[in-house]
Protein backbone atom coordinates (compact mmCIF):
# COMPACT_ATOMS: atom_id res chain seq x y z
CA ILE A 1 1.11 -12.19 -16.35
CA LYS A 2 -2.75 -12.11 -16.05
CA GLN A 3 -4.86 -9.38 -16.76
CA GLY A 4 -7.60 -8.47 -14.15
CA ILE A 5 -9.24 -5.88 -12.07
CA PHE A 6 -8.78 -5.14 -8.19
CA LEU A 7 -11.33 -2.84 -7.25
CA ILE A 8 -10.80 -0.56 -4.28
CA THR A 9 -14.22 -0.37 -2.32
CA PRO A 10 -15.22 1.08 1.30
CA THR A 11 -14.71 -2.51 2.40
CA THR A 12 -11.09 -2.81 1.16
CA VAL A 13 -8.52 -2.36 4.04
CA ILE A 14 -4.92 -1.32 4.26
CA VAL A 15 -2.43 -3.30 6.04
CA LEU A 16 0.80 -1.81 7.25
CA GLY A 17 3.98 -3.81 7.72
CA ASP A 18 5.27 -2.40 11.15
CA GLY A 19 3.21 0.75 11.25
CA SER A 20 6.20 3.15 9.81
CA GLU A 21 4.31 3.44 6.59
CA LYS A 22 1.06 5.09 8.47
CA GLU A 23 2.02 8.56 6.70
CA SER A 24 1.63 6.95 3.53
CA ALA A 25 -1.78 5.17 4.26
CA SER A 26 -3.18 8.90 5.89
CA PHE A 27 -2.22 10.63 2.64
CA PHE A 28 -3.76 7.67 0.59
CA ASN A 29 -7.02 7.64 2.83
CA GLN A 30 -6.86 11.57 2.58
CA HIS A 31 -7.04 11.54 -1.14
CA LEU A 32 -9.75 8.62 -1.03
CA ARG A 33 -11.77 10.99 1.53
CA THR A 34 -11.72 13.97 -0.91
CA TYR A 35 -12.12 12.23 -4.23
CA TYR A 36 -14.36 9.52 -3.76
CA GLY A 37 -15.99 10.16 -0.40
CA PHE A 38 -14.61 7.23 1.81
CA GLN A 39 -11.43 6.01 3.54
CA LEU A 40 -10.19 2.66 4.16
CA LYS A 41 -9.73 0.98 7.64
CA ILE A 42 -6.29 0.33 8.86
CA VAL A 43 -5.72 -3.21 9.99
CA LYS A 44 -2.54 -5.42 10.91
CA THR A 45 -3.32 -8.24 8.83
CA SER A 46 -5.75 -9.74 6.09
CA THR A 47 -5.77 -12.13 3.50
CA LYS A 48 -8.30 -10.66 1.05
CA ASN A 49 -9.53 -7.10 -0.32
CA PHE A 50 -6.33 -5.61 1.04
CA ILE A 51 -3.43 -2.94 0.02
CA ARG A 52 -0.39 -3.58 1.92
CA PHE A 53 2.24 -1.01 2.45
CA SER A 54 5.41 -2.69 3.85
CA LYS A 55 9.04 -1.37 4.46
CA ILE A 56 11.54 -3.89 4.33
CA PRO A 57 15.16 -4.19 5.41
CA SER A 58 17.70 -4.11 2.65
CA GLU A 59 21.49 -4.79 2.20
CA PRO A 60 23.17 -1.04 2.17
CA PRO A 61 22.73 1.09 0.36
CA PRO A 62 19.16 0.77 -0.20
CA VAL A 63 17.50 2.52 -3.26
CA LYS A 64 15.85 5.52 -2.37
CA GLU A 65 12.75 5.84 -4.34
CA GLN A 66 12.81 2.08 -5.53
CA TYR A 67 9.43 0.06 -4.79
CA ARG A 68 7.93 -3.26 -5.84
CA LEU A 69 3.92 -3.17 -6.41
CA VAL A 70 2.24 -6.69 -7.07
CA ALA A 71 -1.40 -6.70 -7.75
CA ALA A 72 -3.19 -10.14 -7.21
CA GLU A 73 -6.60 -11.23 -7.10
CA ASN A 74 -7.00 -11.12 -3.14
CA GLY A 75 -4.86 -7.57 -2.95
CA ILE A 76 -2.32 -5.43 -3.65
CA THR A 77 1.24 -5.27 -1.90
CA ILE A 78 3.62 -2.65 -2.18
CA THR A 79 7.38 -3.09 -0.79
CA ALA A 80 10.05 -0.94 -0.65
CA THR A 81 13.30 -0.51 1.30
CA THR A 82 12.60 3.10 2.04
CA TYR A 83 9.96 4.87 3.36
CA SER A 84 9.82 7.47 0.19
CA GLY A 85 9.59 4.22 -1.97
CA VAL A 86 6.73 2.85 -0.12
CA PHE A 87 5.22 6.59 -0.76
CA TYR A 88 5.75 6.29 -4.42
CA GLY A 89 4.30 2.97 -4.92
CA MET A 90 1.39 4.36 -3.02
CA GLN A 91 0.90 6.77 -5.86
CA THR A 92 1.25 4.51 -8.72
C-alpha cells in the first residue's frame, strides 16, 4: 500500500463498464456541478485520469452493497456485483 493523491479535475473522465452504471455517474456529476462548478465527460475507455464504474457478474447470490475501490496513480476503479454496490462505491 502506498500513499498518494488522485485529484479530480475538469479533465478527469468517467468510464462506464457496460453503460448500466450511468445513473451513478449522473448522480456524481450532479454533485460535482453543484459543489465544484464542473462535471466530468463520460467515455467508453481511458488509460489515465479516470474514474471507472463497473458492474461485474457474480456467482449467486451477489452481495447487495459490496464494492471494491482501487485507487491508483492513473485512476480510480469501482467494481461491484450490483448497481447499488456501484452507487455506494461512488459515494466513497
